[in-house]
PDB file of N, CA and C in Angstrom:
ATOM      1  N   MET A   1       4.934  -3.392  16.105  1.00  0.00           N
ATOM      2  CA  MET A   1       5.262  -3.106  14.933  1.00  0.00           C
ATOM      3  C   MET A   1       4.941  -4.424  14.519  1.00  0.00           C
ATOM      4  N   ASN A   2       4.713  -4.670  12.959  1.00  0.00           N
ATOM      5  CA  ASN A   2       4.746  -6.720  12.318  1.00  0.00           C
ATOM      6  C   ASN A   2       5.622  -5.895  11.434  1.00  0.00           C
ATOM      7  N   THR A   3       6.444  -7.335  11.058  1.00  0.00           N
ATOM      8  CA  THR A   3       7.384  -7.541   9.845  1.00  0.00           C
ATOM      9  C   THR A   3       6.637  -7.863   8.453  1.00  0.00           C
ATOM     10  N   VAL A   4       6.885  -7.559   7.159  1.00  0.00           N
ATOM     11  CA  VAL A   4       6.477  -8.072   6.306  1.00  0.00           C
ATOM     12  C   VAL A   4       7.438  -8.482   5.202  1.00  0.00           C
ATOM     13  N   THR A   5       7.817  -9.734   4.674  1.00  0.00           N
ATOM     14  CA  THR A   5       9.325  -9.984   4.022  1.00  0.00           C
ATOM     15  C   THR A   5       8.716 -10.293   2.737  1.00  0.00           C
ATOM     16  N   ILE A   6       9.120  -9.736   1.830  1.00  0.00           N
ATOM     17  CA  ILE A   6       8.783  -9.977   0.084  1.00  0.00           C
ATOM     18  C   ILE A   6       9.804 -10.506  -0.113  1.00  0.00           C
ATOM     19  N   TRP A   7       9.617 -11.739  -1.217  1.00  0.00           N
ATOM     20  CA  TRP A   7      11.033 -12.278  -1.575  1.00  0.00           C
ATOM     21  C   TRP A   7      10.032 -12.245  -3.229  1.00  0.00           C
ATOM     22  N   ILE A   8      11.445 -12.238  -3.891  1.00  0.00           N
ATOM     23  CA  ILE A   8      11.207 -12.208  -5.742  1.00  0.00           C
ATOM     24  C   ILE A   8      12.288 -12.860  -6.132  1.00  0.00           C
ATOM     25  N   ALA A   9      11.592 -13.739  -7.174  1.00  0.00           N
ATOM     26  CA  ALA A   9      12.813 -15.290  -7.597  1.00  0.00           C
ATOM     27  C   ALA A   9      13.469 -13.694  -8.688  1.00  0.00           C
ATOM     28  N   ASN A  10      14.982 -14.154  -8.375  1.00  0.00           N
ATOM     29  CA  ASN A  10      16.129 -13.502  -9.052  1.00  0.00           C
ATOM     30  C   ASN A  10      15.648 -13.336 -10.538  1.00  0.00           C
ATOM     31  N   ASP A  11      15.239 -14.413 -11.232  1.00  0.00           N
ATOM     32  CA  ASP A  11      14.898 -14.002 -12.585  1.00  0.00           C
ATOM     33  C   ASP A  11      14.147 -13.048 -12.728  1.00  0.00           C
ATOM     34  N   THR A  12      12.965 -12.813 -12.075  1.00  0.00           N
ATOM     35  CA  THR A  12      12.159 -12.066 -12.122  1.00  0.00           C
ATOM     36  C   THR A  12      12.208 -11.199 -11.421  1.00  0.00           C
ATOM     37  N   PHE A  13      13.207 -10.662 -10.851  1.00  0.00           N
ATOM     38  CA  PHE A  13      13.903  -9.320 -10.208  1.00  0.00           C
ATOM     39  C   PHE A  13      14.886  -9.017 -11.812  1.00  0.00           C
ATOM     40  N   GLU A  14      15.729  -9.720 -12.094  1.00  0.00           N
ATOM     41  CA  GLU A  14      16.280  -9.143 -13.035  1.00  0.00           C
ATOM     42  C   GLU A  14      15.447  -8.505 -14.434  1.00  0.00           C
ATOM     43  N   ARG A  15      14.184  -9.321 -15.074  1.00  0.00           N
ATOM     44  CA  ARG A  15      13.276  -9.176 -15.973  1.00  0.00           C
ATOM     45  C   ARG A  15      12.359  -7.482 -15.576  1.00  0.00           C
ATOM     46  N   VAL A  16      12.688  -7.667 -14.524  1.00  0.00           N
ATOM     47  CA  VAL A  16      11.733  -5.828 -13.826  1.00  0.00           C
ATOM     48  C   VAL A  16      12.651  -5.171 -14.048  1.00  0.00           C
ATOM     49  N   ILE A  17      13.796  -5.071 -13.759  1.00  0.00           N
ATOM     50  CA  ILE A  17      15.028  -4.093 -13.661  1.00  0.00           C
ATOM     51  C   ILE A  17      14.864  -3.874 -14.861  1.00  0.00           C
ATOM     52  N   GLN A  18      15.462  -5.065 -16.055  1.00  0.00           N
ATOM     53  CA  GLN A  18      15.468  -4.469 -17.365  1.00  0.00           C
ATOM     54  C   GLN A  18      14.847  -3.963 -17.848  1.00  0.00           C
ATOM     55  N   LYS A  19      13.358  -4.115 -17.658  1.00  0.00           N
ATOM     56  CA  LYS A  19      11.939  -3.387 -17.996  1.00  0.00           C
ATOM     57  C   LYS A  19      12.038  -2.090 -17.852  1.00  0.00           C
ATOM     58  N   ILE A  20      12.507  -1.695 -16.687  1.00  0.00           N
ATOM     59  CA  ILE A  20      12.442  -0.429 -16.332  1.00  0.00           C
ATOM     60  C   ILE A  20      13.335   0.552 -16.662  1.00  0.00           C
ATOM     61  N   VAL A  21      14.473  -0.098 -16.902  1.00  0.00           N
ATOM     62  CA  VAL A  21      15.749   0.518 -18.056  1.00  0.00           C
ATOM     63  C   VAL A  21      15.568   0.863 -18.843  1.00  0.00           C
ATOM     64  N   ALA A  22      15.051  -0.079 -19.600  1.00  0.00           N
ATOM     65  CA  ALA A  22      14.545  -0.129 -20.822  1.00  0.00           C
ATOM     66  C   ALA A  22      13.751   1.065 -21.181  1.00  0.00           C
ATOM     67  N   ARG A  23      12.662   1.154 -20.094  1.00  0.00           N
ATOM     68  CA  ARG A  23      11.497   1.998 -20.459  1.00  0.00           C
ATOM     69  C   ARG A  23      11.949   3.363 -20.030  1.00  0.00           C
ATOM     70  N   SER A  24      12.850   3.304 -18.898  1.00  0.00           N
ATOM     71  CA  SER A  24      12.902   4.726 -18.781  1.00  0.00           C
ATOM     72  C   SER A  24      14.268   5.469 -19.703  1.00  0.00           C
ATOM     73  N   GLN A  25      15.094   4.984 -20.559  1.00  0.00           N
ATOM     74  CA  GLN A  25      16.005   5.237 -21.826  1.00  0.00           C
ATOM     75  C   GLN A  25      15.122   5.532 -22.641  1.00  0.00           C
ATOM     76  N   ALA A  26      13.906   5.158 -22.628  1.00  0.00           N
ATOM     77  CA  ALA A  26      12.709   5.379 -23.870  1.00  0.00           C
ATOM     78  C   ALA A  26      11.903   6.790 -23.697  1.00  0.00           C
ATOM     79  N   LEU A  27      12.173   7.369 -22.471  1.00  0.00           N
ATOM     80  CA  LEU A  27      10.869   8.739 -22.230  1.00  0.00           C
ATOM     81  C   LEU A  27      11.726   9.437 -22.231  1.00  0.00           C
ATOM     82  N   PRO A  28      10.982  10.467 -22.762  1.00  0.00           N
ATOM     83  CA  PRO A  28      11.442  12.385 -22.495  1.00  0.00           C
ATOM     84  C   PRO A  28      12.302  12.548 -21.896  1.00  0.00           C
ATOM     85  N   GLU A  29      13.334  13.243 -21.769  1.00  0.00           N
ATOM     86  CA  GLU A  29      14.392  13.483 -20.987  1.00  0.00           C
ATOM     87  C   GLU A  29      14.018  14.666 -20.283  1.00  0.00           C
ATOM     88  N   SER A  30      13.469  15.419 -20.753  1.00  0.00           N
ATOM     89  CA  SER A  30      12.695  16.873 -19.884  1.00  0.00           C
ATOM     90  C   SER A  30      11.976  16.748 -19.040  1.00  0.00           C
ATOM     91  N   HIS A  31      12.215  17.403 -17.597  1.00  0.00           N
ATOM     92  CA  HIS A  31      11.016  16.952 -16.634  1.00  0.00           C
ATOM     93  C   HIS A  31      10.441  15.458 -16.278  1.00  0.00           C
ATOM     94  N   ASN A  32      11.491  14.340 -16.701  1.00  0.00           N
ATOM     95  CA  ASN A  32      10.853  12.932 -16.173  1.00  0.00           C
ATOM     96  C   ASN A  32      11.781  12.618 -15.376  1.00  0.00           C
ATOM     97  N   PRO A  33      10.851  12.241 -13.951  1.00  0.00           N
ATOM     98  CA  PRO A  33      11.712  11.737 -13.595  1.00  0.00           C
ATOM     99  C   PRO A  33      12.719  10.212 -12.883  1.00  0.00           C
ATOM    100  N   PHE A  34      11.870   9.621 -14.344  1.00  0.00           N
ATOM    101  CA  PHE A  34      12.281   8.263 -14.278  1.00  0.00           C
ATOM    102  C   PHE A  34      13.225   8.318 -15.649  1.00  0.00           C
ATOM    103  N   TYR A  35      13.869   9.158 -16.199  1.00  0.00           N
ATOM    104  CA  TYR A  35      14.358   9.280 -17.303  1.00  0.00           C
ATOM    105  C   TYR A  35      15.804   8.802 -16.926  1.00  0.00           C
ATOM    106  N   ASN A  36      16.270   7.658 -17.928  1.00  0.00           N
ATOM    107  CA  ASN A  36      17.652   6.900 -18.024  1.00  0.00           C
ATOM    108  C   ASN A  36      17.921   6.307 -16.715  1.00  0.00           C
ATOM    109  N   LEU A  37      17.012   5.565 -15.866  1.00  0.00           N
ATOM    110  CA  LEU A  37      17.720   4.979 -14.465  1.00  0.00           C
ATOM    111  C   LEU A  37      18.623   4.155 -14.833  1.00  0.00           C
ATOM    112  N   SER A  38      19.388   3.942 -13.770  1.00  0.00           N
ATOM    113  CA  SER A  38      20.684   2.838 -13.927  1.00  0.00           C
ATOM    114  C   SER A  38      20.118   1.544 -13.332  1.00  0.00           C
ATOM    115  N   PRO A  39      20.644   0.214 -13.603  1.00  0.00           N
ATOM    116  CA  PRO A  39      19.917  -0.976 -12.724  1.00  0.00           C
ATOM    117  C   PRO A  39      19.246  -0.716 -11.284  1.00  0.00           C
ATOM    118  N   LYS A  40      20.448  -0.314 -10.984  1.00  0.00           N
ATOM    119  CA  LYS A  40      20.791  -0.126  -9.284  1.00  0.00           C
ATOM    120  C   LYS A  40      19.597   1.239  -8.952  1.00  0.00           C
ATOM    121  N   GLN A  41      19.384   2.374  -9.279  1.00  0.00           N
ATOM    122  CA  GLN A  41      18.091   2.864  -9.153  1.00  0.00           C
ATOM    123  C   GLN A  41      16.638   2.095  -9.517  1.00  0.00           C
ATOM    124  N   ALA A  42      16.834   1.500 -10.600  1.00  0.00           N
ATOM    125  CA  ALA A  42      15.391   0.367 -11.172  1.00  0.00           C
ATOM    126  C   ALA A  42      15.534  -0.668  -9.568  1.00  0.00           C
ATOM    127  N   GLU A  43      16.132  -1.622  -9.391  1.00  0.00           N
ATOM    128  CA  GLU A  43      16.134  -1.932  -8.277  1.00  0.00           C
ATOM    129  C   GLU A  43      15.576  -1.475  -7.180  1.00  0.00           C
ATOM    130  N   GLU A  44      16.443  -0.186  -6.720  1.00  0.00           N
ATOM    131  CA  GLU A  44      15.771   0.837  -5.655  1.00  0.00           C
ATOM    132  C   GLU A  44      14.349   1.079  -5.726  1.00  0.00           C
ATOM    133  N   TYR A  45      13.662   1.555  -6.705  1.00  0.00           N
ATOM    134  CA  TYR A  45      13.108   2.119  -7.020  1.00  0.00           C
ATOM    135  C   TYR A  45      11.378   1.041  -7.272  1.00  0.00           C
ATOM    136  N   ILE A  46      11.704  -0.821  -7.287  1.00  0.00           N
ATOM    137  CA  ILE A  46      11.067  -1.573  -7.463  1.00  0.00           C
ATOM    138  C   ILE A  46      10.627  -1.516  -5.861  1.00  0.00           C
ATOM    139  N   TRP A  47      11.802  -1.890  -4.992  1.00  0.00           N
ATOM    140  CA  TRP A  47      11.266  -2.230  -3.295  1.00  0.00           C
ATOM    141  C   TRP A  47      10.740  -0.710  -2.679  1.00  0.00           C
ATOM    142  N   LYS A  48      11.221   0.439  -2.794  1.00  0.00           N
ATOM    143  CA  LYS A  48      10.039   1.461  -2.991  1.00  0.00           C
ATOM    144  C   LYS A  48       9.112   1.233  -3.067  1.00  0.00           C
ATOM    145  N   ASN A  49       8.825   1.337  -4.223  1.00  0.00           N
ATOM    146  CA  ASN A  49       7.330   1.188  -4.889  1.00  0.00           C
ATOM    147  C   ASN A  49       6.422  -0.293  -4.020  1.00  0.00           C
ATOM    148  N   ILE A  50       6.948  -1.219  -4.282  1.00  0.00           N
ATOM    149  CA  ILE A  50       6.431  -2.426  -3.467  1.00  0.00           C
ATOM    150  C   ILE A  50       6.130  -1.965  -2.130  1.00  0.00           C
ATOM    151  N   GLN A  51       7.273  -1.452  -1.156  1.00  0.00           N
ATOM    152  CA  GLN A  51       7.036  -0.795   0.205  1.00  0.00           C
ATOM    153  C   GLN A  51       5.744   0.607   0.266  1.00  0.00           C
ATOM    154  N   LYS A  52       5.679   0.913  -0.847  1.00  0.00           N
ATOM    155  CA  LYS A  52       5.089   2.341  -0.347  1.00  0.00           C
ATOM    156  C   LYS A  52       3.479   1.563  -0.588  1.00  0.00           C
ATOM    157  N   GLU A  53       3.257   0.495  -1.829  1.00  0.00           N
ATOM    158  CA  GLU A  53       1.858  -0.258  -1.767  1.00  0.00           C
ATOM    159  C   GLU A  53       1.588  -1.311  -0.502  1.00  0.00           C
ATOM    160  N   VAL A  54       2.547  -1.953   0.031  1.00  0.00           N
ATOM    161  CA  VAL A  54       2.010  -2.450   1.092  1.00  0.00           C
ATOM    162  C   VAL A  54       2.018  -1.768   2.941  1.00  0.00           C
ATOM    163  N   GLU A  55       2.654  -0.446   2.747  1.00  0.00           N
ATOM    164  CA  GLU A  55       2.117   0.067   3.774  1.00  0.00           C
ATOM    165  C   GLU A  55       0.844   0.527   3.637  1.00  0.00           C
ATOM    166  N   SER A  56       0.497   1.071   2.026  1.00  0.00           N
ATOM    167  CA  SER A  56      -0.755   1.603   1.887  1.00  0.00           C
ATOM    168  C   SER A  56      -1.632   0.733   2.259  1.00  0.00           C
ATOM    169  N   TYR A  57      -1.947  -0.605   1.813  1.00  0.00           N
ATOM    170  CA  TYR A  57      -2.822  -1.613   1.919  1.00  0.00           C
ATOM    171  C   TYR A  57      -2.735  -1.814   3.296  1.00  0.00           C
ATOM    172  N   CYS A  58      -1.833  -1.622   3.804  1.00  0.00           N
ATOM    173  CA  CYS A  58      -1.276  -2.579   5.560  1.00  0.00           C
ATOM    174  C   CYS A  58      -2.359  -1.071   6.381  1.00  0.00           C
ATOM    175  N   SER A  59      -2.752  -0.333   5.940  1.00  0.00           N
ATOM    176  CA  SER A  59      -2.579   1.084   6.797  1.00  0.00           C
ATOM    177  C   SER A  59      -4.493   1.205   6.870  1.00  0.00           C
ATOM    178  N   SER A  60      -5.055   0.097   5.932  1.00  0.00           N
ATOM    179  CA  SER A  60      -5.949   0.425   5.594  1.00  0.00           C
ATOM    180  C   SER A  60      -7.471  -0.737   6.507  1.00  0.00           C
ATOM    181  N   PRO A  61      -8.518   0.137   7.066  1.00  0.00           N
ATOM    182  CA  PRO A  61      -9.059  -0.661   8.486  1.00  0.00           C
ATOM    183  C   PRO A  61      -9.595  -1.814   7.985  1.00  0.00           C
ATOM    184  N   LEU A  62      -9.342  -2.085   6.493  1.00  0.00           N
ATOM    185  CA  LEU A  62     -10.490  -3.567   5.699  1.00  0.00           C
ATOM    186  C   LEU A  62      -9.150  -4.481   5.173  1.00  0.00           C
ATOM    187  N   ALA A  63      -8.017  -4.053   5.222  1.00  0.00           N
ATOM    188  CA  ALA A  63      -6.800  -4.937   5.358  1.00  0.00           C
ATOM    189  C   ALA A  63      -6.726  -6.388   6.113  1.00  0.00           C
ATOM    190  N   ASN A  64      -6.375  -7.588   5.082  1.00  0.00           N
ATOM    191  CA  ASN A  64      -6.253  -8.425   5.611  1.00  0.00           C
ATOM    192  C   ASN A  64      -5.405  -9.214   5.073  1.00  0.00           C
ATOM    193  N   LEU A  65      -4.669  -9.834   6.194  1.00  0.00           N
ATOM    194  CA  LEU A  65      -2.784 -10.352   5.440  1.00  0.00           C
ATOM    195  C   LEU A  65      -3.117 -11.840   5.208  1.00  0.00           C
ATOM    196  N   ASN A  66      -4.751 -12.367   5.851  1.00  0.00           N
ATOM    197  CA  ASN A  66      -4.996 -14.226   5.645  1.00  0.00           C
ATOM    198  C   ASN A  66      -5.179 -14.114   4.599  1.00  0.00           C
ATOM    199  N   GLU A  67      -5.557 -13.354   3.432  1.00  0.00           N
ATOM    200  CA  GLU A  67      -6.031 -13.633   2.512  1.00  0.00           C
ATOM    201  C   GLU A  67      -4.885 -13.224   1.814  1.00  0.00           C
ATOM    202  N   GLY A  68      -4.675 -14.717   0.608  1.00  0.00           N
ATOM    203  CA  GLY A  68      -3.709 -15.043   0.330  1.00  0.00           C
ATOM    204  C   GLY A  68      -3.201 -14.373  -0.766  1.00  0.00           C
ATOM    205  N   ASP A  69      -3.744 -13.769  -1.382  1.00  0.00           N
ATOM    206  CA  ASP A  69      -2.948 -13.211  -2.461  1.00  0.00           C
ATOM    207  C   ASP A  69      -3.795 -11.618  -2.698  1.00  0.00           C
ATOM    208  N   HIS A  70      -2.668 -10.953  -3.378  1.00  0.00           N
ATOM    209  CA  HIS A  70      -2.816  -9.045  -3.589  1.00  0.00           C
ATOM    210  C   HIS A  70      -2.541  -8.441  -4.654  1.00  0.00           C
ATOM    211  N   ALA A  71      -3.312  -8.063  -5.138  1.00  0.00           N
ATOM    212  CA  ALA A  71      -2.627  -6.874  -6.580  1.00  0.00           C
ATOM    213  C   ALA A  71      -2.654  -5.694  -6.517  1.00  0.00           C
ATOM    214  N   PHE A  72      -1.931  -5.194  -6.288  1.00  0.00           N
ATOM    215  CA  PHE A  72      -1.370  -3.643  -6.885  1.00  0.00           C
ATOM    216  C   PHE A  72      -0.477  -3.038  -8.039  1.00  0.00           C
ATOM    217  N   THR A  73      -0.971  -2.233  -8.407  1.00  0.00           N
ATOM    218  CA  THR A  73      -0.677  -1.799  -9.451  1.00  0.00           C
ATOM    219  C   THR A  73       1.131  -0.977  -9.802  1.00  0.00           C
ATOM    220  N   PHE A  74       1.865  -1.292 -10.748  1.00  0.00           N
ATOM    221  CA  PHE A  74       3.309  -1.053 -10.170  1.00  0.00           C
ATOM    222  C   PHE A  74       3.405   0.550 -10.042  1.00  0.00           C
ATOM    223  N   GLY A  75       3.058   1.125 -11.581  1.00  0.00           N
ATOM    224  CA  GLY A  75       2.751   2.992 -11.536  1.00  0.00           C
ATOM    225  C   GLY A  75       3.941   2.948 -11.964  1.00  0.00           C
ATOM    226  N   ALA A  76       4.356   4.293 -12.581  1.00  0.00           N
ATOM    227  CA  ALA A  76       5.018   4.496 -13.830  1.00  0.00           C
ATOM    228  C   ALA A  76       6.739   4.264 -13.365  1.00  0.00           C
ATOM    229  N   PRO A  77       7.284   3.965 -13.987  1.00  0.00           N
ATOM    230  CA  PRO A  77       7.289   3.634 -15.584  1.00  0.00           C
ATOM    231  C   PRO A  77       6.425   2.918 -16.536  1.00  0.00           C
ATOM    232  N   LEU A  78       6.017   1.672 -15.240  1.00  0.00           N
ATOM    233  CA  LEU A  78       5.694   0.785 -15.772  1.00  0.00           C
ATOM    234  C   LEU A  78       3.793   0.288 -15.222  1.00  0.00           C
ATOM    235  N   ASN A  79       3.535   1.772 -16.070  1.00  0.00           N
ATOM    236  CA  ASN A  79       2.007   1.693 -15.817  1.00  0.00           C
ATOM    237  C   ASN A  79       0.893   0.497 -16.429  1.00  0.00           C
ATOM    238  N   ASP A  80       1.897  -0.388 -17.451  1.00  0.00           N
ATOM    239  CA  ASP A  80       1.158  -1.512 -17.573  1.00  0.00           C
ATOM    240  C   ASP A  80       1.068  -2.658 -16.898  1.00  0.00           C
ATOM    241  N   THR A  81       2.014  -2.266 -15.529  1.00  0.00           N
ATOM    242  CA  THR A  81       2.480  -4.095 -14.780  1.00  0.00           C
ATOM    243  C   THR A  81       1.856  -3.789 -13.652  1.00  0.00           C
ATOM    244  N   VAL A  82       1.119  -4.928 -13.143  1.00  0.00           N
ATOM    245  CA  VAL A  82       0.784  -5.340 -11.631  1.00  0.00           C
ATOM    246  C   VAL A  82       1.777  -6.388 -11.009  1.00  0.00           C
ATOM    247  N   PHE A  83       1.798  -6.195  -9.674  1.00  0.00           N
ATOM    248  CA  PHE A  83       2.480  -7.084  -9.354  1.00  0.00           C
ATOM    249  C   PHE A  83       1.597  -7.716  -8.167  1.00  0.00           C
ATOM    250  N   MET A  84       1.523  -8.818  -7.964  1.00  0.00           N
ATOM    251  CA  MET A  84       0.793 -10.007  -7.073  1.00  0.00           C
ATOM    252  C   MET A  84       1.893 -10.253  -5.757  1.00  0.00           C
ATOM    253  N   LEU A  85       1.071 -10.010  -4.499  1.00  0.00           N
ATOM    254  CA  LEU A  85       2.129 -10.813  -3.710  1.00  0.00           C
ATOM    255  C   LEU A  85       1.020 -11.873  -3.376  1.00  0.00           C
ATOM    256  N   THR A  86       1.663 -13.012  -3.477  1.00  0.00           N
ATOM    257  CA  THR A  86       1.306 -14.508  -2.815  1.00  0.00           C
ATOM    258  C   THR A  86       1.763 -15.344  -1.725  1.00  0.00           C
ATOM    259  N   GLY A  87       1.495 -15.666  -0.656  1.00  0.00           N
ATOM    260  CA  GLY A  87       1.639 -16.607   0.030  1.00  0.00           C
ATOM    261  C   GLY A  87       2.558 -17.759  -0.103  1.00  0.00           C
ATOM    262  N   CYS A  88       2.931 -17.791  -1.642  1.00  0.00           N
ATOM    263  CA  CYS A  88       3.996 -19.252  -1.564  1.00  0.00           C
ATOM    264  C   CYS A  88       5.263 -19.158  -1.615  1.00  0.00           C
ATOM    265  N   GLU A  89       5.979 -20.002  -0.726  1.00  0.00           N
ATOM    266  CA  GLU A  89       6.949 -19.561  -0.986  1.00  0.00           C
ATOM    267  C   GLU A  89       8.000 -19.979  -1.435  1.00  0.00           C
ATOM    268  N   LEU A  90       9.609 -19.678  -2.375  1.00  0.00           N
ATOM    269  CA  LEU A  90       9.888 -20.056  -2.942  1.00  0.00           C
ATOM    270  C   LEU A  90      11.483 -20.548  -2.318  1.00  0.00           C
ATOM    271  N   PRO A  91      12.586 -21.039  -3.502  1.00  0.00           N
ATOM    272  CA  PRO A  91      13.801 -21.480  -2.444  1.00  0.00           C
ATOM    273  C   PRO A  91      14.842 -20.480  -2.126  1.00  0.00           C
ATOM    274  N   SER A  92      15.123 -20.283  -0.856  1.00  0.00           N
ATOM    275  CA  SER A  92      16.000 -18.766  -0.356  1.00  0.00           C
ATOM    276  C   SER A  92      17.217 -18.627  -1.202  1.00  0.00           C
ATOM    277  N   HIS A  93      17.369 -19.957  -1.915  1.00  0.00           N
ATOM    278  CA  HIS A  93      18.780 -19.833  -2.441  1.00  0.00           C
ATOM    279  C   HIS A  93      18.951 -18.935  -3.695  1.00  0.00           C
ATOM    280  N   ASN A  94      17.808 -18.671  -4.368  1.00  0.00           N
ATOM    281  CA  ASN A  94      17.685 -17.847  -5.376  1.00  0.00           C
ATOM    282  C   ASN A  94      16.445 -16.459  -5.345  1.00  0.00           C
ATOM    283  N   LEU A  95      16.790 -15.845  -4.126  1.00  0.00           N
ATOM    284  CA  LEU A  95      15.657 -14.680  -4.122  1.00  0.00           C
ATOM    285  C   LEU A  95      16.616 -13.471  -3.561  1.00  0.00           C
ATOM    286  N   HIS A  96      15.854 -12.703  -3.878  1.00  0.00           N
ATOM    287  CA  HIS A  96      15.927 -10.521  -3.677  1.00  0.00           C
ATOM    288  C   HIS A  96      14.704 -10.964  -2.127  1.00  0.00           C
ATOM    289  N   THR A  97      15.270 -10.482  -0.983  1.00  0.00           N
ATOM    290  CA  THR A  97      13.883 -10.276   0.142  1.00  0.00           C
ATOM    291  C   THR A  97      13.720  -8.467   0.303  1.00  0.00           C
ATOM    292  N   HIS A  98      13.270  -8.593   0.897  1.00  0.00           N
ATOM    293  CA  HIS A  98      12.747  -7.207   1.659  1.00  0.00           C
ATOM    294  C   HIS A  98      11.927  -7.421   2.732  1.00  0.00           C
ATOM    295  N   THR A  99      12.236  -6.698   4.035  1.00  0.00           N
ATOM    296  CA  THR A  99      11.332  -6.650   5.040  1.00  0.00           C
ATOM    297  C   THR A  99      10.749  -5.093   5.441  1.00  0.00           C
ATOM    298  N   ILE A 100       9.773  -4.959   5.306  1.00  0.00           N
ATOM    299  CA  ILE A 100       8.879  -4.035   5.372  1.00  0.00           C
ATOM    300  C   ILE A 100       8.563  -4.021   7.074  1.00  0.00           C
ATOM    301  N   GLU A 101       8.729  -3.037   7.931  1.00  0.00           N
ATOM    302  CA  GLU A 101       8.158  -2.701   9.007  1.00  0.00           C
ATOM    303  C   GLU A 101       6.379  -1.880   8.989  1.00  0.00           C
ATOM    304  N   VAL A 102       5.728  -2.374   9.162  1.00  0.00           N
ATOM    305  CA  VAL A 102       4.413  -2.249   9.304  1.00  0.00           C
ATOM    306  C   VAL A 102       3.364  -2.356  10.161  1.00  0.00           C
ATOM    307  N   TYR A 103       2.431  -1.850  10.915  1.00  0.00           N
ATOM    308  CA  TYR A 103       0.856  -1.959  11.311  1.00  0.00           C
ATOM    309  C   TYR A 103       0.119  -2.663  10.792  1.00  0.00           C
ATOM    310  N   PHE A 104      -0.414  -3.908  11.110  1.00  0.00           N
ATOM    311  CA  PHE A 104      -1.890  -4.495  10.175  1.00  0.00           C
ATOM    312  C   PHE A 104      -2.727  -4.856  10.998  1.00  0.00           C
ATOM    313  N   ASN A 105      -4.129  -4.640  10.565  1.00  0.00           N
ATOM    314  CA  ASN A 105      -5.393  -5.061  11.489  1.00  0.00           C
ATOM    315  C   ASN A 105      -5.464  -6.884  11.632  1.00  0.00           C
ATOM    316  N   GLU A 106      -5.198  -6.785  10.633  1.00  0.00           N
ATOM    317  CA  GLU A 106      -5.345  -8.793  11.008  1.00  0.00           C
ATOM    318  C   GLU A 106      -4.318  -9.679  10.061  1.00  0.00           C
ATOM    319  N   GLY A 107      -4.318 -10.726  10.396  1.00  0.00           N
ATOM    320  CA  GLY A 107      -3.157 -11.623   9.163  1.00  0.00           C
ATOM    321  C   GLY A 107      -1.986 -12.277  10.053  1.00  0.00           C
ATOM    322  N   LYS A 108      -1.920 -13.746   9.688  1.00  0.00           N
ATOM    323  CA  LYS A 108      -0.897 -14.611  10.534  1.00  0.00           C
ATOM    324  C   LYS A 108      -0.211 -14.340   9.184  1.00  0.00           C
ATOM    325  N   SER A 109      -0.197 -14.200   8.143  1.00  0.00           N
ATOM    326  CA  SER A 109       0.952 -14.245   7.040  1.00  0.00           C
ATOM    327  C   SER A 109       1.794 -13.346   6.904  1.00  0.00           C
ATOM    328  N   ASN A 110       3.175 -13.251   7.437  1.00  0.00           N
ATOM    329  CA  ASN A 110       3.902 -11.982   7.082  1.00  0.00           C
ATOM    330  C   ASN A 110       4.887 -12.504   6.187  1.00  0.00           C
ATOM    331  N   SER A 111       4.949 -13.190   4.999  1.00  0.00           N
ATOM    332  CA  SER A 111       6.068 -13.730   4.192  1.00  0.00           C
ATOM    333  C   SER A 111       5.178 -13.345   2.856  1.00  0.00           C
ATOM    334  N   TYR A 112       5.419 -12.907   1.884  1.00  0.00           N
ATOM    335  CA  TYR A 112       4.679 -13.121   0.260  1.00  0.00           C
ATOM    336  C   TYR A 112       6.067 -13.236  -0.579  1.00  0.00           C
ATOM    337  N   THR A 113       5.209 -14.007  -1.826  1.00  0.00           N
ATOM    338  CA  THR A 113       6.428 -13.682  -2.742  1.00  0.00           C
ATOM    339  C   THR A 113       5.604 -12.670  -3.932  1.00  0.00           C
ATOM    340  N   ALA A 114       6.291 -11.803  -4.236  1.00  0.00           N
ATOM    341  CA  ALA A 114       6.113 -10.968  -5.731  1.00  0.00           C
ATOM    342  C   ALA A 114       6.496 -11.004  -6.889  1.00  0.00           C
ATOM    343  N   ASP A 115       5.356 -11.381  -7.792  1.00  0.00           N
ATOM    344  CA  ASP A 115       5.667 -11.549  -9.146  1.00  0.00           C
ATOM    345  C   ASP A 115       5.001 -10.553  -9.764  1.00  0.00           C
ATOM    346  N   PHE A 116       5.379 -10.366 -11.898  1.00  0.00           N
ATOM    347  CA  PHE A 116       4.793  -9.039 -11.664  1.00  0.00           C
ATOM    348  C   PHE A 116       4.083  -9.407 -13.171  1.00  0.00           C
ATOM    349  N   TYR A 117       3.507  -8.763 -13.973  1.00  0.00           N
ATOM    350  CA  TYR A 117       2.805  -9.083 -14.633  1.00  0.00           C
ATOM    351  C   TYR A 117       2.260  -8.079 -15.735  1.00  0.00           C
ATOM    352  N   ALA A 118       2.337  -7.782 -16.964  1.00  0.00           N
ATOM    353  CA  ALA A 118       2.354  -7.060 -17.570  1.00  0.00           C
ATOM    354  C   ALA A 118       0.537  -6.754 -18.411  1.00  0.00           C
ATOM    355  N   LEU A 119       0.196  -5.776 -18.243  1.00  0.00           N
ATOM    356  CA  LEU A 119      -1.490  -6.156 -18.603  1.00  0.00           C
ATOM    357  C   LEU A 119      -1.894  -5.918 -19.698  1.00  0.00           C
ATOM    358  N   ILE A 120      -2.855  -6.727 -20.197  1.00  0.00           N
ATOM    359  CA  ILE A 120      -2.873  -6.538 -21.941  1.00  0.00           C
ATOM    360  C   ILE A 120      -3.815  -6.019 -22.380  1.00  0.00           C
TER     361      ILE A 120
END
């Protein structure tokens, strides 16, 4: 089992939380699992989604963590958003981090910065 550490800069993390909370408040209430999420729920959801995508990628026989950049769609309620995992490092005093334990086939890099982009 290997570990992959994901870093997100504080300002990026806060912007994505605010975007999820705002989007969730605008959704229809009935039968919507994302309706009216709190900031804490949004934070947990961000890490859950990132972990799910990283685990899914790492389980692929073609996964290669030596490649420096990986892009994933974030999913509902941010269907217009992708997040990129890059091999660059950020100053440690300004980060949120999450460690994921996964098996992966190939790659030496085990830490990535996550950044979020809205699709145009």
